[in-house]
Protein backbone atom coordinates (compact mmCIF):
# COMPACT_ATOMS: atom_id res chain seq x y z
CA UNK A 1 -4.86 -5.10 -6.89
CA UNK A 2 -1.58 -6.75 -6.00
CA UNK A 3 0.32 -8.08 -3.04
CA UNK A 4 3.21 -6.21 -1.52
CA UNK A 5 5.61 -6.35 1.51
CA UNK A 6 5.80 -3.36 3.80
CA UNK A 7 9.46 -2.49 4.03
CA UNK A 8 9.38 0.72 5.94
CA UNK A 9 7.47 3.88 6.90
CA UNK A 10 7.67 7.55 5.91
CA UNK A 11 8.05 10.36 8.49
CA UNK A 12 7.24 13.79 7.18
CA UNK A 13 6.76 17.05 8.97
CA UNK A 14 5.32 18.73 5.86
CA UNK A 15 2.82 16.88 3.72
CA UNK A 16 0.46 17.71 0.89
CA UNK A 17 -2.83 18.95 2.29
CA UNK A 18 -4.65 15.82 1.17
CA UNK A 19 -2.12 13.61 3.11
CA UNK A 20 -2.74 15.17 6.48
CA UNK A 21 -3.47 12.54 9.15
CA UNK A 22 -2.73 9.70 6.75
CA UNK A 23 -0.08 7.02 7.53
CA UNK A 24 2.49 6.52 4.72
CA UNK A 25 4.39 3.32 4.30
CA UNK A 26 7.07 2.05 1.87
CA UNK A 27 5.94 -1.09 0.05
CA UNK A 28 7.51 -3.40 -2.49
CA UNK A 29 5.34 -5.55 -4.81
CA UNK A 30 5.79 -9.37 -4.39
CA UNK A 31 4.61 -12.47 -6.25
CA UNK A 32 2.74 -15.43 -4.74
CA UNK A 33 6.08 -16.75 -3.33
CA UNK A 34 7.03 -13.53 -1.73
CA UNK A 35 9.73 -12.62 -4.34
CA UNK A 36 10.09 -8.91 -5.15
CA UNK A 37 8.59 -8.07 -8.54
CA UNK A 38 8.88 -4.28 -8.73
CA UNK A 39 10.33 -1.14 -7.24
CA UNK A 40 9.48 0.32 -3.91
CA UNK A 41 6.82 2.90 -3.67
CA UNK A 42 5.04 5.02 -1.07
CA UNK A 43 1.47 3.94 -0.25
CA UNK A 44 -1.20 5.34 2.11
CA UNK A 45 -2.00 2.82 4.81
CA UNK A 46 -5.76 2.38 5.56
CA UNK A 47 -5.26 -1.10 7.05
CA UNK A 48 -2.95 -0.47 10.14
CA UNK A 49 -0.06 -2.43 8.60
CA UNK A 50 3.47 -2.49 9.81
CA UNK A 51 6.99 -3.33 8.66
CA UNK A 52 7.18 -6.92 7.57
CA UNK A 53 3.42 -7.39 6.82
CA UNK A 54 2.24 -8.71 3.49
CA UNK A 55 -0.55 -6.44 2.22
CA UNK A 56 -3.16 -5.93 -0.46
CA UNK A 57 -2.14 -2.87 -2.51
CA UNK A 58 -4.31 -0.85 -4.85
CA UNK A 59 -1.93 1.02 -7.14
CA UNK A 60 -4.34 2.73 -9.51
CA UNK A 61 -4.84 6.45 -8.87
CA UNK A 62 -8.66 6.50 -9.35
CA UNK A 63 -9.23 3.45 -7.13
CA UNK A 64 -6.82 4.81 -4.51
CA UNK A 65 -8.67 8.07 -4.19
CA UNK A 66 -11.91 6.05 -3.72
CA UNK A 67 -10.27 3.96 -1.03
CA UNK A 68 -9.33 7.12 1.01
CA UNK A 69 -12.72 8.75 0.15
CA UNK A 70 -11.19 11.91 -1.37
CA UNK A 71 -11.53 12.54 -5.09
CA UNK A 72 -8.87 15.33 -4.94
CA UNK A 73 -6.17 13.44 -3.07
CA UNK A 74 -2.75 13.28 -4.69
CA UNK A 75 -2.50 9.48 -4.13
CA UNK A 76 -1.42 6.66 -6.39
CA UNK A 77 -1.22 3.71 -4.01
CA UNK A 78 -3.22 2.51 -0.95
CA UNK A 79 -2.84 -0.38 1.37
CA UNK A 80 -6.37 -1.78 1.75
CA UNK A 81 -5.74 -5.02 3.74
CA UNK A 82 -3.22 -7.03 5.65
CA UNK A 83 -2.76 -10.65 4.57
CA UNK A 84 -2.65 -13.36 7.27
CA UNK A 85 -1.33 -15.89 4.77
CA UNK A 86 -1.25 -16.60 0.97
CA UNK A 87 -2.42 -19.89 -0.55
CA UNK A 88 -2.16 -20.07 -4.24
CA UNK A 89 -3.85 -22.83 -6.23
CA UNK A 90 -2.77 -23.06 -9.80
CA UNK A 91 -4.85 -25.42 -11.87
């Protein structure tokens, strides 16, 4: 699980059958200070997030399919929560 920033959404008139009725967002992984740490990716949104939200992202295919409750889904990443704030204690 990692943190990411929602940078956009995906609009599609034709989707894979396992993506029907799922909201797709564009996210970019970030570190604890909000700095980008990876490339943008498409994620299924199960947490009602929006552009500019920091989110918890599951980017493992197996765990993602469990999160959307469909073992046959063609999904690699899922937004499972919206972060209100981040407080990192290193020690």
